[in-house]
Amino acid sequence: MVQSRALPIVESWKERARELRLDAHVVYSASKDPRMPWYVKLIAALVVGYLFSPIDLIPDFIPVLGYMDDLVIVPLGLLLVVKLIPEDVLAEHREAARARKDVPKKWRAAAAIVTVWTLLATLVLFYVLTRSLKVR
C-alpha cells in the first residue's frame, strides 16, 4: 500500500491544534493567578474573550478572509500571552491543564460574552436613540 505524504502534515497540524487548545486553557486558568502581571491578565482576557466570542472581526462568510482571524489572530494572541506569562506560572498551569479531566464548559464563557455584547449593544442603542431625540 502506498503511504500518503500528506499524512504526516495532517498529523502535525492536528498536534498543533491540540497544543493551541491546551494553551487556551492554560491562558484562561493562568489569567486568574495572582502572580500574573495586570497587563498580561488584560491581554489574556482579550484573547480568550475573542476566542470564545461568537462575533468575529472578519465574518466567516467572506471567502478566505473570513477564517483568517481564526487561523492567525487567535494563535498569535495565544502565543503572545504564553510568552508573557512568567515561566513558573506557565509550567504550573500547563501541568494542571494536562492533568485536568474536566475541561471548563464553553457555554459559561459564551454566555458571559453574549451578555457583555448584549449590554454594549443596548448601551449604544440607548445612546443613539437619546441623541436622535435631543436633535429634534
N, C-alpha and C. Protein backbone atom coordinates (compact mmCIF):
# COMPACT_ATOMS: atom_id res chain seq x y z
N MET A 1 0.84 -1.18 0.00
CA MET A 1 0.00 0.00 0.00
C MET A 1 0.88 1.25 0.00
N VAL A 2 0.53 2.22 -0.78
CA VAL A 2 1.31 3.45 -0.90
C VAL A 2 0.94 4.38 0.26
N GLN A 3 1.96 4.88 0.94
CA GLN A 3 1.73 5.77 2.06
C GLN A 3 1.65 7.21 1.55
N SER A 4 0.67 7.92 2.02
CA SER A 4 0.46 9.30 1.59
C SER A 4 1.48 10.23 2.25
N ARG A 5 1.97 11.22 1.46
CA ARG A 5 2.91 12.19 2.02
C ARG A 5 2.17 13.24 2.84
N ALA A 6 0.88 13.40 2.64
CA ALA A 6 0.11 14.40 3.36
C ALA A 6 -0.18 13.97 4.79
N LEU A 7 -0.14 12.70 5.05
CA LEU A 7 -0.50 12.21 6.38
C LEU A 7 0.35 12.80 7.49
N PRO A 8 1.69 12.84 7.40
CA PRO A 8 2.47 13.47 8.48
C PRO A 8 2.14 14.95 8.66
N ILE A 9 1.85 15.64 7.57
CA ILE A 9 1.49 17.06 7.67
C ILE A 9 0.17 17.21 8.41
N VAL A 10 -0.79 16.37 8.08
CA VAL A 10 -2.09 16.42 8.76
C VAL A 10 -1.92 16.12 10.24
N GLU A 11 -1.11 15.13 10.55
CA GLU A 11 -0.87 14.78 11.96
C GLU A 11 -0.18 15.93 12.70
N SER A 12 0.75 16.61 12.05
CA SER A 12 1.43 17.72 12.73
C SER A 12 0.46 18.88 12.96
N TRP A 13 -0.46 19.12 12.02
CA TRP A 13 -1.47 20.16 12.20
C TRP A 13 -2.43 19.79 13.33
N LYS A 14 -2.80 18.52 13.39
CA LYS A 14 -3.69 18.07 14.47
C LYS A 14 -3.01 18.25 15.83
N GLU A 15 -1.73 17.91 15.89
CA GLU A 15 -0.98 18.06 17.14
C GLU A 15 -0.89 19.53 17.54
N ARG A 16 -0.65 20.39 16.57
CA ARG A 16 -0.58 21.83 16.86
C ARG A 16 -1.93 22.38 17.32
N ALA A 17 -3.01 21.86 16.73
CA ALA A 17 -4.35 22.26 17.16
C ALA A 17 -4.60 21.84 18.61
N ARG A 18 -4.15 20.64 18.97
CA ARG A 18 -4.28 20.18 20.37
C ARG A 18 -3.48 21.08 21.30
N GLU A 19 -2.28 21.47 20.88
CA GLU A 19 -1.45 22.35 21.70
C GLU A 19 -2.10 23.72 21.86
N LEU A 20 -2.71 24.23 20.80
CA LEU A 20 -3.40 25.53 20.89
C LEU A 20 -4.58 25.45 21.85
N ARG A 21 -5.29 24.34 21.79
CA ARG A 21 -6.43 24.18 22.71
C ARG A 21 -5.93 24.13 24.15
N LEU A 22 -4.84 23.39 24.36
CA LEU A 22 -4.25 23.33 25.70
C LEU A 22 -3.78 24.72 26.12
N ASP A 23 -3.14 25.46 25.21
CA ASP A 23 -2.67 26.81 25.53
C ASP A 23 -3.84 27.73 25.88
N ALA A 24 -4.97 27.57 25.21
CA ALA A 24 -6.15 28.38 25.52
C ALA A 24 -6.60 28.14 26.95
N HIS A 25 -6.60 26.89 27.38
CA HIS A 25 -6.98 26.57 28.76
C HIS A 25 -5.92 27.04 29.75
N VAL A 26 -4.66 26.95 29.37
CA VAL A 26 -3.57 27.44 30.22
C VAL A 26 -3.70 28.95 30.41
N VAL A 27 -3.92 29.67 29.32
CA VAL A 27 -4.06 31.13 29.39
C VAL A 27 -5.27 31.50 30.24
N TYR A 28 -6.37 30.78 30.04
CA TYR A 28 -7.59 31.05 30.82
C TYR A 28 -7.34 30.85 32.31
N SER A 29 -6.74 29.72 32.69
CA SER A 29 -6.54 29.46 34.12
C SER A 29 -5.42 30.33 34.69
N ALA A 30 -4.39 30.60 33.92
CA ALA A 30 -3.29 31.43 34.41
C ALA A 30 -3.73 32.89 34.58
N SER A 31 -4.71 33.32 33.81
CA SER A 31 -5.17 34.71 33.93
C SER A 31 -5.81 34.99 35.28
N LYS A 32 -6.21 33.95 35.99
CA LYS A 32 -6.80 34.11 37.31
C LYS A 32 -5.75 34.07 38.42
N ASP A 33 -4.52 33.75 38.08
CA ASP A 33 -3.44 33.60 39.05
C ASP A 33 -2.99 34.97 39.55
N PRO A 34 -2.88 35.17 40.87
CA PRO A 34 -2.46 36.48 41.38
C PRO A 34 -1.00 36.83 41.07
N ARG A 35 -0.20 35.86 40.66
CA ARG A 35 1.20 36.12 40.32
C ARG A 35 1.37 36.71 38.92
N MET A 36 0.29 36.78 38.18
CA MET A 36 0.36 37.30 36.82
C MET A 36 0.34 38.83 36.85
N PRO A 37 1.16 39.47 36.02
CA PRO A 37 1.11 40.94 35.91
C PRO A 37 -0.25 41.39 35.33
N TRP A 38 -0.68 42.57 35.70
CA TRP A 38 -2.00 43.04 35.30
C TRP A 38 -2.14 43.16 33.78
N TYR A 39 -1.07 43.60 33.11
CA TYR A 39 -1.15 43.79 31.66
C TYR A 39 -1.25 42.45 30.92
N VAL A 40 -0.65 41.40 31.47
CA VAL A 40 -0.77 40.07 30.87
C VAL A 40 -2.19 39.55 31.08
N LYS A 41 -2.76 39.83 32.25
CA LYS A 41 -4.15 39.44 32.51
C LYS A 41 -5.10 40.13 31.53
N LEU A 42 -4.83 41.40 31.26
CA LEU A 42 -5.67 42.15 30.32
C LEU A 42 -5.58 41.57 28.92
N ILE A 43 -4.37 41.32 28.44
CA ILE A 43 -4.19 40.74 27.11
C ILE A 43 -4.81 39.34 27.05
N ALA A 44 -4.62 38.56 28.12
CA ALA A 44 -5.21 37.22 28.17
C ALA A 44 -6.73 37.28 28.11
N ALA A 45 -7.32 38.21 28.84
CA ALA A 45 -8.78 38.35 28.82
C ALA A 45 -9.27 38.72 27.43
N LEU A 46 -8.56 39.59 26.74
CA LEU A 46 -8.95 39.98 25.39
C LEU A 46 -8.84 38.80 24.42
N VAL A 47 -7.75 38.04 24.52
CA VAL A 47 -7.55 36.91 23.61
C VAL A 47 -8.58 35.81 23.88
N VAL A 48 -8.76 35.45 25.15
CA VAL A 48 -9.73 34.40 25.49
C VAL A 48 -11.14 34.86 25.17
N GLY A 49 -11.44 36.12 25.43
CA GLY A 49 -12.75 36.66 25.09
C GLY A 49 -13.02 36.60 23.60
N TYR A 50 -12.02 36.95 22.80
CA TYR A 50 -12.18 36.88 21.35
C TYR A 50 -12.29 35.43 20.89
N LEU A 51 -11.53 34.55 21.53
CA LEU A 51 -11.56 33.13 21.17
C LEU A 51 -12.94 32.54 21.37
N PHE A 52 -13.57 32.86 22.48
CA PHE A 52 -14.88 32.29 22.78
C PHE A 52 -16.05 33.14 22.27
N SER A 53 -15.74 34.29 21.70
CA SER A 53 -16.79 35.19 21.23
C SER A 53 -17.45 34.66 19.95
N PRO A 54 -18.75 34.74 19.88
CA PRO A 54 -19.43 34.33 18.64
C PRO A 54 -19.31 35.39 17.54
N ILE A 55 -18.76 36.55 17.87
CA ILE A 55 -18.62 37.64 16.91
C ILE A 55 -17.16 37.75 16.49
N ASP A 56 -16.91 37.75 15.18
CA ASP A 56 -15.56 37.84 14.64
C ASP A 56 -15.32 39.23 14.06
N LEU A 57 -14.04 39.62 14.00
CA LEU A 57 -13.70 40.88 13.33
C LEU A 57 -14.01 40.79 11.85
N ILE A 58 -13.69 39.65 11.26
CA ILE A 58 -13.98 39.41 9.85
C ILE A 58 -15.02 38.28 9.81
N PRO A 59 -16.24 38.53 9.32
CA PRO A 59 -17.26 37.48 9.30
C PRO A 59 -16.80 36.25 8.51
N ASP A 60 -17.17 35.07 9.00
CA ASP A 60 -16.72 33.82 8.39
C ASP A 60 -17.28 33.58 7.00
N PHE A 61 -18.37 34.25 6.63
CA PHE A 61 -18.96 34.00 5.31
C PHE A 61 -18.16 34.66 4.18
N ILE A 62 -17.21 35.53 4.52
CA ILE A 62 -16.35 36.13 3.49
C ILE A 62 -15.31 35.08 3.09
N PRO A 63 -15.26 34.72 1.82
CA PRO A 63 -14.34 33.66 1.39
C PRO A 63 -12.89 33.97 1.76
N VAL A 64 -12.19 32.99 2.22
CA VAL A 64 -10.78 33.00 2.61
C VAL A 64 -10.51 33.94 3.78
N LEU A 65 -10.82 35.21 3.65
CA LEU A 65 -10.54 36.18 4.72
C LEU A 65 -11.35 35.90 5.98
N GLY A 66 -12.50 35.30 5.83
CA GLY A 66 -13.37 35.04 6.97
C GLY A 66 -12.75 34.16 8.03
N TYR A 67 -11.89 33.25 7.61
CA TYR A 67 -11.26 32.35 8.57
C TYR A 67 -9.85 32.80 8.95
N MET A 68 -9.37 33.88 8.37
CA MET A 68 -8.01 34.34 8.68
C MET A 68 -7.88 34.78 10.14
N ASP A 69 -8.93 35.39 10.68
CA ASP A 69 -8.82 35.79 12.08
C ASP A 69 -8.73 34.56 12.98
N ASP A 70 -9.47 33.50 12.63
CA ASP A 70 -9.41 32.28 13.44
C ASP A 70 -8.07 31.58 13.28
N LEU A 71 -7.48 31.67 12.11
CA LEU A 71 -6.23 30.96 11.84
C LEU A 71 -4.98 31.78 12.16
N VAL A 72 -5.12 33.10 12.28
CA VAL A 72 -3.95 33.94 12.51
C VAL A 72 -4.05 34.71 13.83
N ILE A 73 -5.11 35.46 14.03
CA ILE A 73 -5.22 36.34 15.20
C ILE A 73 -5.23 35.55 16.50
N VAL A 74 -6.05 34.52 16.58
CA VAL A 74 -6.15 33.75 17.82
C VAL A 74 -4.84 33.05 18.16
N PRO A 75 -4.22 32.29 17.24
CA PRO A 75 -2.94 31.66 17.60
C PRO A 75 -1.85 32.67 17.96
N LEU A 76 -1.78 33.79 17.25
CA LEU A 76 -0.78 34.80 17.58
C LEU A 76 -1.05 35.43 18.95
N GLY A 77 -2.30 35.66 19.25
CA GLY A 77 -2.66 36.20 20.56
C GLY A 77 -2.31 35.23 21.68
N LEU A 78 -2.63 33.95 21.47
CA LEU A 78 -2.27 32.94 22.47
C LEU A 78 -0.76 32.84 22.63
N LEU A 79 -0.04 32.87 21.53
CA LEU A 79 1.42 32.80 21.58
C LEU A 79 1.99 34.00 22.35
N LEU A 80 1.46 35.19 22.10
CA LEU A 80 1.91 36.38 22.81
C LEU A 80 1.70 36.24 24.31
N VAL A 81 0.51 35.82 24.70
CA VAL A 81 0.21 35.70 26.13
C VAL A 81 1.08 34.62 26.77
N VAL A 82 1.24 33.49 26.09
CA VAL A 82 2.09 32.42 26.64
C VAL A 82 3.51 32.92 26.84
N LYS A 83 4.01 33.73 25.91
CA LYS A 83 5.37 34.28 26.03
C LYS A 83 5.47 35.27 27.19
N LEU A 84 4.37 35.96 27.52
CA LEU A 84 4.39 36.96 28.58
C LEU A 84 4.16 36.38 29.98
N ILE A 85 3.62 35.16 30.05
CA ILE A 85 3.37 34.53 31.35
C ILE A 85 4.71 34.14 31.98
N PRO A 86 4.91 34.47 33.26
CA PRO A 86 6.15 34.06 33.94
C PRO A 86 6.32 32.53 33.87
N GLU A 87 7.57 32.09 33.71
CA GLU A 87 7.87 30.66 33.48
C GLU A 87 7.30 29.74 34.55
N ASP A 88 7.44 30.10 35.83
CA ASP A 88 6.94 29.22 36.89
C ASP A 88 5.42 29.10 36.86
N VAL A 89 4.74 30.20 36.58
CA VAL A 89 3.28 30.18 36.48
C VAL A 89 2.85 29.36 35.27
N LEU A 90 3.54 29.55 34.15
CA LEU A 90 3.21 28.81 32.93
C LEU A 90 3.38 27.31 33.14
N ALA A 91 4.49 26.89 33.73
CA ALA A 91 4.74 25.46 33.95
C ALA A 91 3.68 24.85 34.86
N GLU A 92 3.33 25.57 35.90
CA GLU A 92 2.33 25.07 36.85
C GLU A 92 0.96 24.90 36.19
N HIS A 93 0.54 25.89 35.44
CA HIS A 93 -0.79 25.84 34.81
C HIS A 93 -0.81 24.87 33.62
N ARG A 94 0.30 24.74 32.92
CA ARG A 94 0.36 23.79 31.82
C ARG A 94 0.24 22.35 32.34
N GLU A 95 0.92 22.06 33.45
CA GLU A 95 0.83 20.74 34.07
C GLU A 95 -0.59 20.47 34.56
N ALA A 96 -1.20 21.47 35.18
CA ALA A 96 -2.58 21.31 35.67
C ALA A 96 -3.55 21.10 34.51
N ALA A 97 -3.34 21.79 33.40
CA ALA A 97 -4.22 21.63 32.24
C ALA A 97 -4.09 20.24 31.63
N ARG A 98 -2.87 19.72 31.59
CA ARG A 98 -2.67 18.37 31.05
C ARG A 98 -3.31 17.32 31.96
N ALA A 99 -3.26 17.54 33.26
CA ALA A 99 -3.78 16.57 34.21
C ALA A 99 -5.30 16.66 34.36
N ARG A 100 -5.87 17.80 34.00
CA ARG A 100 -7.30 18.02 34.20
C ARG A 100 -8.13 17.18 33.25
N LYS A 101 -9.13 16.56 33.82
CA LYS A 101 -10.07 15.77 33.03
C LYS A 101 -11.33 16.58 32.71
N ASP A 102 -11.73 17.43 33.65
CA ASP A 102 -12.97 18.19 33.46
C ASP A 102 -12.65 19.58 32.93
N VAL A 103 -12.65 19.71 31.62
CA VAL A 103 -12.38 20.98 30.96
C VAL A 103 -13.58 21.90 31.21
N PRO A 104 -13.32 23.18 31.51
CA PRO A 104 -14.43 24.10 31.75
C PRO A 104 -15.40 24.13 30.57
N LYS A 105 -16.66 24.25 30.88
CA LYS A 105 -17.69 24.27 29.84
C LYS A 105 -17.63 25.57 29.07
N LYS A 106 -17.65 25.46 27.74
CA LYS A 106 -17.58 26.65 26.89
C LYS A 106 -18.84 27.48 26.99
N TRP A 107 -19.96 26.86 27.36
CA TRP A 107 -21.21 27.61 27.38
C TRP A 107 -21.18 28.70 28.43
N ARG A 108 -20.44 28.52 29.51
CA ARG A 108 -20.35 29.57 30.53
C ARG A 108 -19.64 30.80 29.96
N ALA A 109 -18.54 30.56 29.31
CA ALA A 109 -17.80 31.67 28.71
C ALA A 109 -18.63 32.32 27.61
N ALA A 110 -19.28 31.50 26.79
CA ALA A 110 -20.10 32.04 25.70
C ALA A 110 -21.26 32.87 26.26
N ALA A 111 -21.87 32.40 27.34
CA ALA A 111 -22.98 33.14 27.94
C ALA A 111 -22.49 34.48 28.48
N ALA A 112 -21.34 34.49 29.11
CA ALA A 112 -20.79 35.75 29.63
C ALA A 112 -20.48 36.72 28.49
N ILE A 113 -19.90 36.21 27.42
CA ILE A 113 -19.54 37.08 26.29
C ILE A 113 -20.78 37.60 25.60
N VAL A 114 -21.77 36.76 25.40
CA VAL A 114 -23.02 37.21 24.77
C VAL A 114 -23.69 38.25 25.65
N THR A 115 -23.64 38.07 26.96
CA THR A 115 -24.22 39.06 27.88
C THR A 115 -23.51 40.40 27.75
N VAL A 116 -22.20 40.38 27.70
CA VAL A 116 -21.44 41.63 27.56
C VAL A 116 -21.76 42.31 26.24
N TRP A 117 -21.78 41.55 25.14
CA TRP A 117 -22.10 42.13 23.83
C TRP A 117 -23.52 42.70 23.82
N THR A 118 -24.45 42.00 24.46
CA THR A 118 -25.84 42.48 24.51
C THR A 118 -25.92 43.78 25.30
N LEU A 119 -25.22 43.84 26.42
CA LEU A 119 -25.22 45.07 27.20
C LEU A 119 -24.59 46.23 26.43
N LEU A 120 -23.49 45.97 25.75
CA LEU A 120 -22.85 47.01 24.95
C LEU A 120 -23.77 47.49 23.82
N ALA A 121 -24.40 46.55 23.14
CA ALA A 121 -25.32 46.92 22.06
C ALA A 121 -26.50 47.73 22.61
N THR A 122 -27.00 47.35 23.77
CA THR A 122 -28.10 48.08 24.39
C THR A 122 -27.67 49.50 24.75
N LEU A 123 -26.48 49.64 25.31
CA LEU A 123 -25.98 50.97 25.65
C LEU A 123 -25.79 51.84 24.41
N VAL A 124 -25.25 51.27 23.36
CA VAL A 124 -25.06 52.03 22.11
C VAL A 124 -26.41 52.43 21.53
N LEU A 125 -27.35 51.50 21.51
CA LEU A 125 -28.69 51.80 21.01
C LEU A 125 -29.36 52.88 21.85
N PHE A 126 -29.25 52.78 23.15
CA PHE A 126 -29.82 53.79 24.04
C PHE A 126 -29.19 55.15 23.77
N TYR A 127 -27.87 55.18 23.62
CA TYR A 127 -27.17 56.43 23.35
C TYR A 127 -27.63 57.05 22.02
N VAL A 128 -27.71 56.23 20.99
CA VAL A 128 -28.12 56.71 19.67
C VAL A 128 -29.56 57.23 19.71
N LEU A 129 -30.44 56.50 20.37
CA LEU A 129 -31.83 56.94 20.44
C LEU A 129 -31.97 58.23 21.24
N THR A 130 -31.27 58.35 22.34
CA THR A 130 -31.39 59.60 23.13
C THR A 130 -30.77 60.78 22.38
N ARG A 131 -29.69 60.55 21.64
CA ARG A 131 -29.09 61.63 20.84
C ARG A 131 -30.01 62.05 19.71
N SER A 132 -30.66 61.09 19.07
CA SER A 132 -31.54 61.43 17.95
C SER A 132 -32.79 62.16 18.45
N LEU A 133 -33.26 61.85 19.65
CA LEU A 133 -34.43 62.53 20.17
C LEU A 133 -34.08 63.96 20.62
N LYS A 134 -32.86 64.19 21.08
CA LYS A 134 -32.44 65.52 21.51
C LYS A 134 -32.21 66.45 20.31
N VAL A 135 -31.84 65.90 19.18
CA VAL A 135 -31.57 66.69 17.98
C VAL A 135 -32.85 67.32 17.49
N ARG A 136 -33.94 66.62 17.60
CA ARG A 136 -35.22 67.14 17.09
C ARG A 136 -35.72 68.22 17.91
